[in-house]
Amino acid sequence: MTGAPEQPETDATAPTGPRIEVLGDASPEQVAALVAVLSGGLGGGAEEAPAGPPSAWSSPERLVRPPVYPSRAGWVASGLPR
């Protein structure tokens, strides 16, 4: 006897991360859904690629005509009498 208190042996396969404890009756499907939601919120899923700039083809600015300014050159260019 060495006199030192005995240390419990730690299992190498025991998870070291956060622990979830379910209280009450839960089906395996409910536990799986809970784990999926919590792991997705913690960044467990793959990252999405950042979206590129929007296409100019679908821009709402294309629906608006540029402003039209009256000018004398317009009448001269049309060939109509003054």
N, C-alpha and C. Protein backbone atom coordinates (compact mmCIF):
# COMPACT_ATOMS: atom_id res chain seq x y z
N MET A 1 0.83 -1.18 0.00
CA MET A 1 0.00 0.00 0.00
C MET A 1 0.88 1.24 0.00
N THR A 2 0.58 2.13 -0.89
CA THR A 2 1.38 3.33 -1.02
C THR A 2 0.80 4.50 -0.23
N GLY A 3 -0.45 4.46 0.09
CA GLY A 3 -1.05 5.53 0.85
C GLY A 3 -1.70 6.60 -0.01
N ALA A 4 -1.48 6.58 -1.33
CA ALA A 4 -2.08 7.56 -2.23
C ALA A 4 -3.46 7.08 -2.63
N PRO A 5 -4.42 7.99 -2.75
CA PRO A 5 -5.75 7.54 -3.17
C PRO A 5 -5.69 7.01 -4.60
N GLU A 6 -6.50 6.00 -4.84
CA GLU A 6 -6.51 5.38 -6.17
C GLU A 6 -7.23 6.29 -7.16
N GLN A 7 -6.63 6.46 -8.32
CA GLN A 7 -7.21 7.26 -9.40
C GLN A 7 -8.03 6.32 -10.28
N PRO A 8 -9.26 6.70 -10.63
CA PRO A 8 -10.02 5.86 -11.56
C PRO A 8 -9.37 5.92 -12.93
N GLU A 9 -9.36 4.78 -13.58
CA GLU A 9 -8.76 4.73 -14.93
C GLU A 9 -9.67 5.44 -15.91
N THR A 10 -9.07 6.26 -16.78
CA THR A 10 -9.85 6.96 -17.80
C THR A 10 -9.88 6.11 -19.05
N ASP A 11 -11.03 6.08 -19.68
CA ASP A 11 -11.20 5.31 -20.91
C ASP A 11 -10.74 6.18 -22.08
N ALA A 12 -9.89 5.65 -22.93
CA ALA A 12 -9.35 6.41 -24.06
C ALA A 12 -10.41 6.67 -25.11
N THR A 13 -11.50 5.91 -25.11
CA THR A 13 -12.54 6.09 -26.12
C THR A 13 -13.65 7.01 -25.64
N ALA A 14 -13.57 7.52 -24.43
CA ALA A 14 -14.61 8.40 -23.92
C ALA A 14 -14.53 9.76 -24.61
N PRO A 15 -15.69 10.32 -25.00
CA PRO A 15 -15.66 11.63 -25.66
C PRO A 15 -15.23 12.71 -24.68
N THR A 16 -14.48 13.66 -25.18
CA THR A 16 -13.98 14.73 -24.33
C THR A 16 -14.70 16.04 -24.61
N GLY A 17 -15.59 16.07 -25.60
CA GLY A 17 -16.29 17.31 -25.96
C GLY A 17 -17.51 17.54 -25.11
N PRO A 18 -18.39 18.44 -25.55
CA PRO A 18 -19.61 18.73 -24.81
C PRO A 18 -20.49 17.49 -24.70
N ARG A 19 -21.24 17.44 -23.63
CA ARG A 19 -22.08 16.29 -23.38
C ARG A 19 -23.55 16.71 -23.39
N ILE A 20 -24.40 15.90 -24.01
CA ILE A 20 -25.83 16.16 -24.06
C ILE A 20 -26.51 15.11 -23.20
N GLU A 21 -27.36 15.56 -22.30
CA GLU A 21 -28.10 14.64 -21.46
C GLU A 21 -29.58 14.84 -21.73
N VAL A 22 -30.26 13.78 -22.18
CA VAL A 22 -31.67 13.84 -22.51
C VAL A 22 -32.46 13.32 -21.31
N LEU A 23 -33.35 14.15 -20.83
CA LEU A 23 -34.19 13.76 -19.71
C LEU A 23 -35.56 13.34 -20.22
N GLY A 24 -36.06 12.21 -19.75
CA GLY A 24 -37.36 11.73 -20.18
C GLY A 24 -37.21 10.70 -21.28
N ASP A 25 -38.35 10.35 -21.87
CA ASP A 25 -38.36 9.34 -22.93
C ASP A 25 -38.18 10.03 -24.27
N ALA A 26 -37.14 9.66 -24.98
CA ALA A 26 -36.90 10.21 -26.31
C ALA A 26 -36.59 9.05 -27.26
N SER A 27 -37.19 9.10 -28.42
CA SER A 27 -36.94 8.05 -29.41
C SER A 27 -35.56 8.30 -30.04
N PRO A 28 -34.99 7.28 -30.64
CA PRO A 28 -33.69 7.48 -31.31
C PRO A 28 -33.76 8.54 -32.41
N GLU A 29 -34.91 8.65 -33.08
CA GLU A 29 -35.06 9.66 -34.13
C GLU A 29 -35.02 11.07 -33.53
N GLN A 30 -35.64 11.25 -32.37
CA GLN A 30 -35.63 12.56 -31.72
C GLN A 30 -34.23 12.94 -31.25
N VAL A 31 -33.50 11.97 -30.73
CA VAL A 31 -32.13 12.24 -30.29
C VAL A 31 -31.26 12.56 -31.49
N ALA A 32 -31.44 11.84 -32.59
CA ALA A 32 -30.66 12.11 -33.80
C ALA A 32 -30.96 13.50 -34.34
N ALA A 33 -32.24 13.91 -34.31
CA ALA A 33 -32.59 15.25 -34.78
C ALA A 33 -31.97 16.31 -33.89
N LEU A 34 -31.98 16.09 -32.59
CA LEU A 34 -31.37 17.04 -31.65
C LEU A 34 -29.88 17.18 -31.88
N VAL A 35 -29.21 16.07 -32.08
CA VAL A 35 -27.76 16.09 -32.32
C VAL A 35 -27.46 16.79 -33.64
N ALA A 36 -28.28 16.55 -34.68
CA ALA A 36 -28.06 17.20 -35.98
C ALA A 36 -28.23 18.71 -35.88
N VAL A 37 -29.23 19.16 -35.14
CA VAL A 37 -29.47 20.60 -35.00
C VAL A 37 -28.33 21.25 -34.22
N LEU A 38 -27.93 20.62 -33.13
CA LEU A 38 -26.87 21.20 -32.31
C LEU A 38 -25.52 21.17 -33.01
N SER A 39 -25.22 20.11 -33.75
CA SER A 39 -23.92 20.05 -34.43
C SER A 39 -23.88 21.01 -35.61
N GLY A 40 -25.01 21.26 -36.27
CA GLY A 40 -25.06 22.22 -37.37
C GLY A 40 -24.88 23.64 -36.87
N GLY A 41 -25.39 23.93 -35.68
CA GLY A 41 -25.26 25.26 -35.11
C GLY A 41 -23.86 25.54 -34.60
N LEU A 42 -23.10 24.49 -34.33
CA LEU A 42 -21.74 24.66 -33.84
C LEU A 42 -20.71 24.69 -34.96
N GLY A 43 -21.17 24.70 -36.20
CA GLY A 43 -20.23 24.75 -37.32
C GLY A 43 -19.74 23.38 -37.73
N GLY A 44 -20.53 22.36 -37.49
CA GLY A 44 -20.12 21.01 -37.85
C GLY A 44 -20.26 20.71 -39.33
N GLY A 45 -21.02 21.52 -40.06
CA GLY A 45 -21.24 21.27 -41.48
C GLY A 45 -20.17 21.93 -42.34
N ALA A 46 -20.24 21.66 -43.62
CA ALA A 46 -19.29 22.24 -44.56
C ALA A 46 -19.64 23.71 -44.80
N GLU A 47 -18.63 24.53 -45.02
CA GLU A 47 -18.86 25.94 -45.30
C GLU A 47 -19.35 26.13 -46.72
N GLU A 48 -20.26 27.08 -46.87
CA GLU A 48 -20.74 27.41 -48.20
C GLU A 48 -19.77 28.38 -48.86
N ALA A 49 -19.65 28.27 -50.17
CA ALA A 49 -18.79 29.19 -50.90
C ALA A 49 -19.42 30.57 -50.91
N PRO A 50 -18.64 31.63 -50.75
CA PRO A 50 -19.23 32.98 -50.77
C PRO A 50 -19.81 33.28 -52.15
N ALA A 51 -20.94 33.94 -52.14
CA ALA A 51 -21.60 34.28 -53.39
C ALA A 51 -20.82 35.38 -54.10
N GLY A 52 -20.74 35.29 -55.41
CA GLY A 52 -20.06 36.30 -56.19
C GLY A 52 -20.94 37.52 -56.37
N PRO A 53 -20.45 38.52 -57.08
CA PRO A 53 -21.27 39.72 -57.30
C PRO A 53 -22.49 39.37 -58.16
N PRO A 54 -23.60 40.05 -57.96
CA PRO A 54 -24.79 39.74 -58.76
C PRO A 54 -24.57 40.08 -60.23
N SER A 55 -25.24 39.36 -61.07
CA SER A 55 -25.11 39.56 -62.51
C SER A 55 -25.78 40.87 -62.93
N ALA A 56 -25.16 41.60 -63.84
CA ALA A 56 -25.74 42.85 -64.34
C ALA A 56 -26.95 42.56 -65.23
N TRP A 57 -27.05 41.34 -65.73
CA TRP A 57 -28.16 40.97 -66.59
C TRP A 57 -29.48 41.03 -65.82
N SER A 58 -29.48 40.65 -64.56
CA SER A 58 -30.70 40.63 -63.77
C SER A 58 -30.86 41.89 -62.91
N SER A 59 -30.08 42.91 -63.16
CA SER A 59 -30.12 44.13 -62.36
C SER A 59 -31.40 44.92 -62.64
N PRO A 60 -32.08 45.42 -61.60
CA PRO A 60 -33.28 46.23 -61.84
C PRO A 60 -32.96 47.56 -62.51
N GLU A 61 -31.71 47.97 -62.49
CA GLU A 61 -31.33 49.22 -63.14
C GLU A 61 -31.52 49.15 -64.66
N ARG A 62 -31.54 47.94 -65.19
CA ARG A 62 -31.72 47.80 -66.63
C ARG A 62 -33.14 48.16 -67.06
N LEU A 63 -34.11 48.13 -66.13
CA LEU A 63 -35.49 48.44 -66.46
C LEU A 63 -35.76 49.94 -66.54
N VAL A 64 -34.85 50.75 -66.03
CA VAL A 64 -35.04 52.19 -65.99
C VAL A 64 -34.29 52.82 -67.16
N ARG A 65 -34.99 53.64 -67.92
CA ARG A 65 -34.34 54.32 -69.05
C ARG A 65 -33.49 55.46 -68.54
N PRO A 66 -32.41 55.78 -69.26
CA PRO A 66 -31.62 56.95 -68.88
C PRO A 66 -32.42 58.22 -69.13
N PRO A 67 -32.14 59.30 -68.43
CA PRO A 67 -32.91 60.53 -68.64
C PRO A 67 -32.71 61.10 -70.04
N VAL A 68 -33.78 61.69 -70.56
CA VAL A 68 -33.74 62.31 -71.89
C VAL A 68 -33.81 63.82 -71.68
N TYR A 69 -32.82 64.52 -72.24
CA TYR A 69 -32.77 65.97 -72.12
C TYR A 69 -33.11 66.58 -73.47
N PRO A 70 -34.02 67.57 -73.51
CA PRO A 70 -34.34 68.22 -74.79
C PRO A 70 -33.15 69.06 -75.28
N SER A 71 -32.96 69.03 -76.57
CA SER A 71 -31.88 69.84 -77.14
C SER A 71 -32.29 70.30 -78.54
N ARG A 72 -31.70 71.36 -78.96
CA ARG A 72 -31.96 71.89 -80.30
C ARG A 72 -31.39 70.95 -81.36
N ALA A 73 -30.33 70.26 -81.03
CA ALA A 73 -29.71 69.38 -82.02
C ALA A 73 -30.64 68.25 -82.42
N GLY A 74 -31.59 67.91 -81.56
CA GLY A 74 -32.53 66.85 -81.89
C GLY A 74 -33.43 67.23 -83.04
N TRP A 75 -33.92 68.48 -83.07
CA TRP A 75 -34.76 68.93 -84.15
C TRP A 75 -33.98 69.07 -85.45
N VAL A 76 -32.75 69.52 -85.35
CA VAL A 76 -31.94 69.67 -86.55
C VAL A 76 -31.62 68.31 -87.15
N ALA A 77 -31.34 67.36 -86.29
CA ALA A 77 -30.98 66.04 -86.78
C ALA A 77 -32.18 65.33 -87.37
N SER A 78 -33.42 65.71 -86.97
CA SER A 78 -34.59 65.00 -87.49
C SER A 78 -34.96 65.45 -88.89
N GLY A 79 -34.53 66.63 -89.31
CA GLY A 79 -34.85 67.14 -90.64
C GLY A 79 -36.18 67.86 -90.69
N LEU A 80 -36.83 68.06 -89.58
CA LEU A 80 -38.12 68.77 -89.56
C LEU A 80 -37.88 70.27 -89.62
N PRO A 81 -38.82 71.01 -90.20
CA PRO A 81 -38.65 72.47 -90.25
C PRO A 81 -38.80 73.07 -88.86
N ARG A 82 -38.16 74.21 -88.69
CA ARG A 82 -38.24 74.90 -87.38
C ARG A 82 -39.42 75.78 -87.29
